[in-house]
Full PDB file with SEQRES, HELIX, SHEET, SSBOND, CRYST1, ORIGX, SCALE, CONECT and MASTER records, all heavy atoms in Angstrom:
SEQRES   1 A   35  ALA LEU ASP ALA LEU ALA ALA ALA GLU VAL ALA GLU VAL          
SEQRES   2 A   35  ALA GLU MET ALA MET TYR ARG ASP TYR ARG MET VAL SER          
SEQRES   3 A   35  ASP ALA THR ALA ASP ALA GLY LEU VAL                          
HELIX    1 AA1 LEU A    2  ASP A   31  1                                  30    
CRYST1    1.000    1.000    1.000  90.00  90.00  90.00 P 1           1          
ORIGX1      1.000000  0.000000  0.000000        0.00000                         
ORIGX2      0.000000  1.000000  0.000000        0.00000                         
ORIGX3      0.000000  0.000000  1.000000        0.00000                         
SCALE1      1.000000  0.000000  0.000000        0.00000                         
SCALE2      0.000000  1.000000  0.000000        0.00000                         
SCALE3      0.000000  0.000000  1.000000        0.00000                         
ATOM      1  N   ALA A   1     -65.624 -37.001 -69.911  1.00  0.00           N  
ATOM      2  CA  ALA A   1     -65.368 -35.609 -70.289  1.00  0.00           C  
ATOM      3  C   ALA A   1     -66.318 -34.668 -69.548  1.00  0.00           C  
ATOM      4  O   ALA A   1     -65.900 -33.628 -69.032  1.00  0.00           O  
ATOM      5  CB  ALA A   1     -65.502 -35.438 -71.802  1.00  0.00           C  
ATOM      6  N   LEU A   2     -67.583 -35.048 -69.476  1.00  0.00           N  
ATOM      7  CA  LEU A   2     -68.559 -34.225 -68.747  1.00  0.00           C  
ATOM      8  C   LEU A   2     -68.246 -34.171 -67.259  1.00  0.00           C  
ATOM      9  O   LEU A   2     -68.336 -33.107 -66.631  1.00  0.00           O  
ATOM     10  CB  LEU A   2     -69.973 -34.763 -68.972  1.00  0.00           C  
ATOM     11  CG  LEU A   2     -70.542 -34.571 -70.373  1.00  0.00           C  
ATOM     12  CD1 LEU A   2     -71.897 -35.285 -70.495  1.00  0.00           C  
ATOM     13  CD2 LEU A   2     -70.687 -33.100 -70.701  1.00  0.00           C  
ATOM     14  N   ASP A   3     -67.868 -35.314 -66.684  1.00  0.00           N  
ATOM     15  CA  ASP A   3     -67.526 -35.347 -65.254  1.00  0.00           C  
ATOM     16  C   ASP A   3     -66.288 -34.507 -64.964  1.00  0.00           C  
ATOM     17  O   ASP A   3     -66.234 -33.803 -63.946  1.00  0.00           O  
ATOM     18  CB  ASP A   3     -67.304 -36.790 -64.788  1.00  0.00           C  
ATOM     19  CG  ASP A   3     -68.592 -37.594 -64.717  1.00  0.00           C  
ATOM     20  OD1 ASP A   3     -69.689 -37.002 -64.824  1.00  0.00           O  
ATOM     21  OD2 ASP A   3     -68.501 -38.837 -64.557  1.00  0.00           O  
ATOM     22  N   ALA A   4     -65.294 -34.580 -65.833  1.00  0.00           N  
ATOM     23  CA  ALA A   4     -64.077 -33.785 -65.636  1.00  0.00           C  
ATOM     24  C   ALA A   4     -64.386 -32.295 -65.742  1.00  0.00           C  
ATOM     25  O   ALA A   4     -63.856 -31.491 -64.973  1.00  0.00           O  
ATOM     26  CB  ALA A   4     -63.009 -34.188 -66.650  1.00  0.00           C  
ATOM     27  N   LEU A   5     -65.247 -31.941 -66.677  1.00  0.00           N  
ATOM     28  CA  LEU A   5     -65.634 -30.541 -66.822  1.00  0.00           C  
ATOM     29  C   LEU A   5     -66.387 -30.061 -65.578  1.00  0.00           C  
ATOM     30  O   LEU A   5     -66.139 -28.959 -65.074  1.00  0.00           O  
ATOM     31  CB  LEU A   5     -66.488 -30.351 -68.076  1.00  0.00           C  
ATOM     32  CG  LEU A   5     -66.896 -28.921 -68.408  1.00  0.00           C  
ATOM     33  CD1 LEU A   5     -65.661 -28.042 -68.635  1.00  0.00           C  
ATOM     34  CD2 LEU A   5     -67.788 -28.909 -69.638  1.00  0.00           C  
ATOM     35  N   ALA A   6     -67.270 -30.894 -65.071  1.00  0.00           N  
ATOM     36  CA  ALA A   6     -68.012 -30.532 -63.851  1.00  0.00           C  
ATOM     37  C   ALA A   6     -67.057 -30.362 -62.674  1.00  0.00           C  
ATOM     38  O   ALA A   6     -67.188 -29.412 -61.887  1.00  0.00           O  
ATOM     39  CB  ALA A   6     -69.068 -31.593 -63.545  1.00  0.00           C  
ATOM     40  N   ALA A   7     -66.074 -31.248 -62.557  1.00  0.00           N  
ATOM     41  CA  ALA A   7     -65.097 -31.136 -61.473  1.00  0.00           C  
ATOM     42  C   ALA A   7     -64.272 -29.862 -61.618  1.00  0.00           C  
ATOM     43  O   ALA A   7     -63.989 -29.176 -60.621  1.00  0.00           O  
ATOM     44  CB  ALA A   7     -64.188 -32.364 -61.454  1.00  0.00           C  
ATOM     45  N   ALA A   8     -63.900 -29.525 -62.835  1.00  0.00           N  
ATOM     46  CA  ALA A   8     -63.136 -28.301 -63.073  1.00  0.00           C  
ATOM     47  C   ALA A   8     -63.960 -27.071 -62.704  1.00  0.00           C  
ATOM     48  O   ALA A   8     -63.438 -26.114 -62.123  1.00  0.00           O  
ATOM     49  CB  ALA A   8     -62.692 -28.229 -64.536  1.00  0.00           C  
ATOM     50  N   GLU A   9     -65.248 -27.107 -63.017  1.00  0.00           N  
ATOM     51  CA  GLU A   9     -66.118 -25.979 -62.673  1.00  0.00           C  
ATOM     52  C   GLU A   9     -66.259 -25.831 -61.166  1.00  0.00           C  
ATOM     53  O   GLU A   9     -66.251 -24.712 -60.639  1.00  0.00           O  
ATOM     54  CB  GLU A   9     -67.478 -26.142 -63.335  1.00  0.00           C  
ATOM     55  CG  GLU A   9     -67.432 -25.930 -64.835  1.00  0.00           C  
ATOM     56  CD  GLU A   9     -68.731 -26.264 -65.541  1.00  0.00           C  
ATOM     57  OE1 GLU A   9     -69.639 -26.851 -64.906  1.00  0.00           O  
ATOM     58  OE2 GLU A   9     -68.841 -25.952 -66.737  1.00  0.00           O  
ATOM     59  N   VAL A  10     -66.367 -26.947 -60.441  1.00  0.00           N  
ATOM     60  CA  VAL A  10     -66.446 -26.889 -58.981  1.00  0.00           C  
ATOM     61  C   VAL A  10     -65.150 -26.317 -58.414  1.00  0.00           C  
ATOM     62  O   VAL A  10     -65.174 -25.485 -57.498  1.00  0.00           O  
ATOM     63  CB  VAL A  10     -66.741 -28.295 -58.398  1.00  0.00           C  
ATOM     64  CG1 VAL A  10     -66.535 -28.323 -56.894  1.00  0.00           C  
ATOM     65  CG2 VAL A  10     -68.152 -28.726 -58.752  1.00  0.00           C  
ATOM     66  N   ALA A  11     -64.011 -26.744 -58.959  1.00  0.00           N  
ATOM     67  CA  ALA A  11     -62.723 -26.221 -58.501  1.00  0.00           C  
ATOM     68  C   ALA A  11     -62.612 -24.723 -58.776  1.00  0.00           C  
ATOM     69  O   ALA A  11     -62.097 -23.973 -57.945  1.00  0.00           O  
ATOM     70  CB  ALA A  11     -61.577 -26.973 -59.180  1.00  0.00           C  
ATOM     71  N   GLU A  12     -63.122 -24.293 -59.922  1.00  0.00           N  
ATOM     72  CA  GLU A  12     -63.071 -22.871 -60.256  1.00  0.00           C  
ATOM     73  C   GLU A  12     -63.921 -22.050 -59.289  1.00  0.00           C  
ATOM     74  O   GLU A  12     -63.494 -20.994 -58.811  1.00  0.00           O  
ATOM     75  CB  GLU A  12     -63.534 -22.647 -61.689  1.00  0.00           C  
ATOM     76  CG  GLU A  12     -63.450 -21.197 -62.123  1.00  0.00           C  
ATOM     77  CD  GLU A  12     -63.865 -21.005 -63.567  1.00  0.00           C  
ATOM     78  OE1 GLU A  12     -64.762 -21.736 -64.052  1.00  0.00           O  
ATOM     79  OE2 GLU A  12     -63.300 -20.103 -64.211  1.00  0.00           O  
ATOM     80  N   VAL A  13     -65.107 -22.539 -58.974  1.00  0.00           N  
ATOM     81  CA  VAL A  13     -65.978 -21.838 -58.029  1.00  0.00           C  
ATOM     82  C   VAL A  13     -65.317 -21.774 -56.653  1.00  0.00           C  
ATOM     83  O   VAL A  13     -65.312 -20.719 -55.999  1.00  0.00           O  
ATOM     84  CB  VAL A  13     -67.361 -22.528 -57.953  1.00  0.00           C  
ATOM     85  CG1 VAL A  13     -68.174 -22.007 -56.783  1.00  0.00           C  
ATOM     86  CG2 VAL A  13     -68.117 -22.330 -59.258  1.00  0.00           C  
ATOM     87  N   ALA A  14     -64.728 -22.883 -56.216  1.00  0.00           N  
ATOM     88  CA  ALA A  14     -64.056 -22.906 -54.909  1.00  0.00           C  
ATOM     89  C   ALA A  14     -62.851 -21.970 -54.906  1.00  0.00           C  
ATOM     90  O   ALA A  14     -62.602 -21.273 -53.916  1.00  0.00           O  
ATOM     91  CB  ALA A  14     -63.633 -24.328 -54.567  1.00  0.00           C  
ATOM     92  N   GLU A  15     -62.108 -21.954 -56.006  1.00  0.00           N  
ATOM     93  CA  GLU A  15     -60.947 -21.065 -56.100  1.00  0.00           C  
ATOM     94  C   GLU A  15     -61.372 -19.599 -56.013  1.00  0.00           C  
ATOM     95  O   GLU A  15     -60.754 -18.800 -55.309  1.00  0.00           O  
ATOM     96  CB  GLU A  15     -60.193 -21.328 -57.399  1.00  0.00           C  
ATOM     97  CG  GLU A  15     -58.957 -20.460 -57.558  1.00  0.00           C  
ATOM     98  CD  GLU A  15     -58.251 -20.697 -58.878  1.00  0.00           C  
ATOM     99  OE1 GLU A  15     -58.908 -21.087 -59.862  1.00  0.00           O  
ATOM    100  OE2 GLU A  15     -57.039 -20.461 -58.918  1.00  0.00           O  
ATOM    101  N   MET A  16     -62.438 -19.256 -56.721  1.00  0.00           N  
ATOM    102  CA  MET A  16     -62.911 -17.872 -56.684  1.00  0.00           C  
ATOM    103  C   MET A  16     -63.436 -17.506 -55.295  1.00  0.00           C  
ATOM    104  O   MET A  16     -63.213 -16.392 -54.819  1.00  0.00           O  
ATOM    105  CB  MET A  16     -64.004 -17.660 -57.739  1.00  0.00           C  
ATOM    106  CG  MET A  16     -63.503 -17.801 -59.176  1.00  0.00           C  
ATOM    107  SD  MET A  16     -62.103 -16.748 -59.573  1.00  0.00           S  
ATOM    108  CE  MET A  16     -62.862 -15.152 -59.502  1.00  0.00           C  
ATOM    109  N   ALA A  17     -64.131 -18.429 -54.650  1.00  0.00           N  
ATOM    110  CA  ALA A  17     -64.637 -18.173 -53.296  1.00  0.00           C  
ATOM    111  C   ALA A  17     -63.486 -17.989 -52.315  1.00  0.00           C  
ATOM    112  O   ALA A  17     -63.515 -17.089 -51.465  1.00  0.00           O  
ATOM    113  CB  ALA A  17     -65.546 -19.312 -52.846  1.00  0.00           C  
ATOM    114  N   MET A  18     -62.461 -18.832 -52.447  1.00  0.00           N  
ATOM    115  CA  MET A  18     -61.308 -18.715 -51.553  1.00  0.00           C  
ATOM    116  C   MET A  18     -60.594 -17.390 -51.796  1.00  0.00           C  
ATOM    117  O   MET A  18     -60.214 -16.695 -50.849  1.00  0.00           O  
ATOM    118  CB  MET A  18     -60.345 -19.877 -51.748  1.00  0.00           C  
ATOM    119  CG  MET A  18     -59.180 -19.842 -50.771  1.00  0.00           C  
ATOM    120  SD  MET A  18     -58.056 -21.225 -50.977  1.00  0.00           S  
ATOM    121  CE  MET A  18     -59.069 -22.547 -50.381  1.00  0.00           C  
ATOM    122  N   TYR A  19     -60.436 -17.027 -53.053  1.00  0.00           N  
ATOM    123  CA  TYR A  19     -59.796 -15.752 -53.373  1.00  0.00           C  
ATOM    124  C   TYR A  19     -60.597 -14.599 -52.774  1.00  0.00           C  
ATOM    125  O   TYR A  19     -60.030 -13.696 -52.163  1.00  0.00           O  
ATOM    126  CB  TYR A  19     -59.678 -15.585 -54.887  1.00  0.00           C  
ATOM    127  CG  TYR A  19     -59.159 -14.229 -55.290  1.00  0.00           C  
ATOM    128  CD1 TYR A  19     -57.808 -13.923 -55.166  1.00  0.00           C  
ATOM    129  CD2 TYR A  19     -60.027 -13.244 -55.764  1.00  0.00           C  
ATOM    130  CE1 TYR A  19     -57.332 -12.673 -55.521  1.00  0.00           C  
ATOM    131  CE2 TYR A  19     -59.556 -11.991 -56.118  1.00  0.00           C  
ATOM    132  CZ  TYR A  19     -58.217 -11.712 -55.993  1.00  0.00           C  
ATOM    133  OH  TYR A  19     -57.748 -10.469 -56.333  1.00  0.00           O  
ATOM    134  N   ARG A  20     -61.920 -14.657 -52.931  1.00  0.00           N  
ATOM    135  CA  ARG A  20     -62.779 -13.596 -52.403  1.00  0.00           C  
ATOM    136  C   ARG A  20     -62.675 -13.522 -50.876  1.00  0.00           C  
ATOM    137  O   ARG A  20     -62.545 -12.442 -50.304  1.00  0.00           O  
ATOM    138  CB  ARG A  20     -64.221 -13.856 -52.821  1.00  0.00           C  
ATOM    139  CG  ARG A  20     -65.196 -12.766 -52.386  1.00  0.00           C  
ATOM    140  CD  ARG A  20     -66.638 -13.172 -52.601  1.00  0.00           C  
ATOM    141  NE  ARG A  20     -66.981 -14.295 -51.743  1.00  0.00           N  
ATOM    142  CZ  ARG A  20     -67.417 -15.487 -52.178  1.00  0.00           C  
ATOM    143  NH1 ARG A  20     -67.575 -15.718 -53.450  1.00  0.00           N  
ATOM    144  NH2 ARG A  20     -67.697 -16.449 -51.331  1.00  0.00           N  
ATOM    145  N   ASP A  21     -62.682 -14.684 -50.218  1.00  0.00           N  
ATOM    146  CA  ASP A  21     -62.671 -14.711 -48.757  1.00  0.00           C  
ATOM    147  C   ASP A  21     -61.322 -14.314 -48.167  1.00  0.00           C  
ATOM    148  O   ASP A  21     -61.256 -13.747 -47.075  1.00  0.00           O  
ATOM    149  CB  ASP A  21     -63.060 -16.102 -48.252  1.00  0.00           C  
ATOM    150  CG  ASP A  21     -64.511 -16.441 -48.557  1.00  0.00           C  
ATOM    151  OD1 ASP A  21     -65.284 -15.496 -48.872  1.00  0.00           O  
ATOM    152  OD2 ASP A  21     -64.878 -17.621 -48.507  1.00  0.00           O  
ATOM    153  N   TYR A  22     -60.235 -14.624 -48.846  1.00  0.00           N  
ATOM    154  CA  TYR A  22     -58.903 -14.361 -48.297  1.00  0.00           C  
ATOM    155  C   TYR A  22     -58.197 -13.180 -48.955  1.00  0.00           C  
ATOM    156  O   TYR A  22     -57.049 -12.893 -48.639  1.00  0.00           O  
ATOM    157  CB  TYR A  22     -58.023 -15.619 -48.416  1.00  0.00           C  
ATOM    158  CG  TYR A  22     -58.423 -16.687 -47.436  1.00  0.00           C  
ATOM    159  CD1 TYR A  22     -59.251 -17.730 -47.829  1.00  0.00           C  
ATOM    160  CD2 TYR A  22     -58.002 -16.631 -46.114  1.00  0.00           C  
ATOM    161  CE1 TYR A  22     -59.637 -18.707 -46.926  1.00  0.00           C  
ATOM    162  CE2 TYR A  22     -58.377 -17.592 -45.212  1.00  0.00           C  
ATOM    163  CZ  TYR A  22     -59.203 -18.632 -45.621  1.00  0.00           C  
ATOM    164  OH  TYR A  22     -59.586 -19.594 -44.718  1.00  0.00           O  
ATOM    165  N   ARG A  23     -58.873 -12.486 -49.860  1.00  0.00           N  
ATOM    166  CA  ARG A  23     -58.244 -11.374 -50.563  1.00  0.00           C  
ATOM    167  C   ARG A  23     -57.804 -10.279 -49.596  1.00  0.00           C  
ATOM    168  O   ARG A  23     -56.710  -9.728 -49.734  1.00  0.00           O  
ATOM    169  CB  ARG A  23     -59.186 -10.797 -51.613  1.00  0.00           C  
ATOM    170  CG  ARG A  23     -58.502  -9.708 -52.447  1.00  0.00           C  
ATOM    171  CD  ARG A  23     -59.399  -9.124 -53.496  1.00  0.00           C  
ATOM    172  NE  ARG A  23     -60.524  -8.478 -52.832  1.00  0.00           N  
ATOM    173  CZ  ARG A  23     -61.766  -8.491 -53.300  1.00  0.00           C  
ATOM    174  NH1 ARG A  23     -62.034  -9.078 -54.430  1.00  0.00           N  
ATOM    175  NH2 ARG A  23     -62.736  -7.898 -52.643  1.00  0.00           N  
ATOM    176  N   MET A  24     -58.613  -9.975 -48.585  1.00  0.00           N  
ATOM    177  CA  MET A  24     -58.255  -8.920 -47.633  1.00  0.00           C  
ATOM    178  C   MET A  24     -56.974  -9.280 -46.888  1.00  0.00           C  
ATOM    179  O   MET A  24     -56.096  -8.436 -46.711  1.00  0.00           O  
ATOM    180  CB  MET A  24     -59.400  -8.664 -46.657  1.00  0.00           C  
ATOM    181  CG  MET A  24     -60.585  -7.993 -47.307  1.00  0.00           C  
ATOM    182  SD  MET A  24     -62.068  -7.726 -46.275  1.00  0.00           S  
ATOM    183  CE  MET A  24     -61.503  -7.764 -44.624  1.00  0.00           C  
ATOM    184  N   VAL A  25     -56.854 -10.539 -46.478  1.00  0.00           N  
ATOM    185  CA  VAL A  25     -55.653 -10.981 -45.766  1.00  0.00           C  
ATOM    186  C   VAL A  25     -54.451 -10.933 -46.711  1.00  0.00           C  
ATOM    187  O   VAL A  25     -53.369 -10.467 -46.339  1.00  0.00           O  
ATOM    188  CB  VAL A  25     -55.845 -12.406 -45.202  1.00  0.00           C  
ATOM    189  CG1 VAL A  25     -54.547 -12.955 -44.620  1.00  0.00           C  
ATOM    190  CG2 VAL A  25     -56.938 -12.410 -44.148  1.00  0.00           C  
ATOM    191  N   SER A  26     -54.631 -11.396 -47.926  1.00  0.00           N  
ATOM    192  CA  SER A  26     -53.539 -11.394 -48.903  1.00  0.00           C  
ATOM    193  C   SER A  26     -53.098  -9.964 -49.219  1.00  0.00           C  
ATOM    194  O   SER A  26     -51.892  -9.680 -49.303  1.00  0.00           O  
ATOM    195  CB  SER A  26     -53.970 -12.087 -50.192  1.00  0.00           C  
ATOM    196  OG  SER A  26     -54.254 -13.429 -49.949  1.00  0.00           O  
ATOM    197  N   ASP A  27     -54.064  -9.078 -49.401  1.00  0.00           N  
ATOM    198  CA  ASP A  27     -53.731  -7.686 -49.693  1.00  0.00           C  
ATOM    199  C   ASP A  27     -53.002  -7.038 -48.521  1.00  0.00           C  
ATOM    200  O   ASP A  27     -52.011  -6.324 -48.708  1.00  0.00           O  
ATOM    201  CB  ASP A  27     -54.996  -6.882 -50.028  1.00  0.00           C  
ATOM    202  CG  ASP A  27     -55.601  -7.270 -51.369  1.00  0.00           C  
ATOM    203  OD1 ASP A  27     -54.928  -7.977 -52.151  1.00  0.00           O  
ATOM    204  OD2 ASP A  27     -56.761  -6.870 -51.622  1.00  0.00           O  
ATOM    205  N   ALA A  28     -53.480  -7.266 -47.302  1.00  0.00           N  
ATOM    206  CA  ALA A  28     -52.838  -6.688 -46.112  1.00  0.00           C  
ATOM    207  C   ALA A  28     -51.422  -7.243 -45.944  1.00  0.00           C  
ATOM    208  O   ALA A  28     -50.497  -6.509 -45.573  1.00  0.00           O  
ATOM    209  CB  ALA A  28     -53.669  -6.988 -44.864  1.00  0.00           C  
ATOM    210  N   THR A  29     -51.246  -8.512 -46.229  1.00  0.00           N  
ATOM    211  CA  THR A  29     -49.919  -9.130 -46.137  1.00  0.00           C  
ATOM    212  C   THR A  29     -48.974  -8.486 -47.137  1.00  0.00           C  
ATOM    213  O   THR A  29     -47.845  -8.123 -46.796  1.00  0.00           O  
ATOM    214  CB  THR A  29     -50.026 -10.651 -46.396  1.00  0.00           C  
ATOM    215  OG1 THR A  29     -50.906 -11.218 -45.429  1.00  0.00           O  
ATOM    216  CG2 THR A  29     -48.682 -11.322 -46.312  1.00  0.00           C  
ATOM    217  N   ALA A  30     -49.436  -8.338 -48.370  1.00  0.00           N  
ATOM    218  CA  ALA A  30     -48.600  -7.727 -49.407  1.00  0.00           C  
ATOM    219  C   ALA A  30     -48.305  -6.266 -49.080  1.00  0.00           C  
ATOM    220  O   ALA A  30     -47.170  -5.801 -49.254  1.00  0.00           O  
ATOM    221  CB  ALA A  30     -49.281  -7.847 -50.765  1.00  0.00           C  
ATOM    222  N   ASP A  31     -49.313  -5.529 -48.573  1.00  0.00           N  
ATOM    223  CA  ASP A  31     -49.116  -4.119 -48.217  1.00  0.00           C  
ATOM    224  C   ASP A  31     -48.094  -3.955 -47.101  1.00  0.00           C  
ATOM    225  O   ASP A  31     -47.369  -2.959 -47.053  1.00  0.00           O  
ATOM    226  CB  ASP A  31     -50.442  -3.483 -47.796  1.00  0.00           C  
ATOM    227  CG  ASP A  31     -51.406  -3.325 -48.957  1.00  0.00           C  
ATOM    228  OD1 ASP A  31     -50.956  -3.440 -50.125  1.00  0.00           O  
ATOM    229  OD2 ASP A  31     -52.612  -3.102 -48.699  1.00  0.00           O  
ATOM    230  N   ALA A  32     -48.032  -4.946 -46.200  1.00  0.00           N  
ATOM    231  CA  ALA A  32     -47.081  -4.891 -45.094  1.00  0.00           C  
ATOM    232  C   ALA A  32     -45.692  -5.368 -45.528  1.00  0.00           C  
ATOM    233  O   ALA A  32     -44.756  -5.358 -44.724  1.00  0.00           O  
ATOM    234  CB  ALA A  32     -47.583  -5.742 -43.930  1.00  0.00           C  
ATOM    235  N   GLY A  33     -45.579  -5.824 -46.773  1.00  0.00           N  
ATOM    236  CA  GLY A  33     -44.286  -6.288 -47.273  1.00  0.00           C  
ATOM    237  C   GLY A  33     -43.939  -7.690 -46.813  1.00  0.00           C  
ATOM    238  O   GLY A  33     -42.775  -8.081 -46.842  1.00  0.00           O  
ATOM    239  N   LEU A  34     -44.951  -8.441 -46.389  1.00  0.00           N  
ATOM    240  CA  LEU A  34     -44.711  -9.798 -45.906  1.00  0.00           C  
ATOM    241  C   LEU A  34     -44.998 -10.819 -47.003  1.00  0.00           C  
ATOM    242  O   LEU A  34     -45.776 -10.564 -47.922  1.00  0.00           O  
ATOM    243  CB  LEU A  34     -45.607 -10.087 -44.700  1.00  0.00           C  
ATOM    244  CG  LEU A  34     -45.452  -9.147 -43.503  1.00  0.00           C  
ATOM    245  CD1 LEU A  34     -46.528  -9.429 -42.469  1.00  0.00           C  
ATOM    246  CD2 LEU A  34     -44.064  -9.301 -42.899  1.00  0.00           C  
ATOM    247  N   VAL A  35     -44.377 -11.979 -46.880  1.00  0.00           N  
ATOM    248  CA  VAL A  35     -44.649 -13.070 -47.813  1.00  0.00           C  
ATOM    249  C   VAL A  35     -45.840 -13.875 -47.332  1.00  0.00           C  
ATOM    250  O   VAL A  35     -46.675 -14.315 -48.118  1.00  0.00           O  
ATOM    251  CB  VAL A  35     -43.406 -13.980 -47.958  1.00  0.00           C  
ATOM    252  CG1 VAL A  35     -43.704 -15.165 -48.862  1.00  0.00           C  
ATOM    253  CG2 VAL A  35     -42.233 -13.190 -48.500  1.00  0.00           C  
TER     254      VAL A  35                                                      
MASTER        0    0    0    1    0    0    0    6  253    1    0    3          
END                                                                             
């Protein structure tokens, strides 16, 4: 249970970092009307 929680926390941190790093590209894509 502790190991699974630690893995989930690492995934959450990576997800937030990826969102932060690619948010500008995602926003520009959406603003341009692209998928």
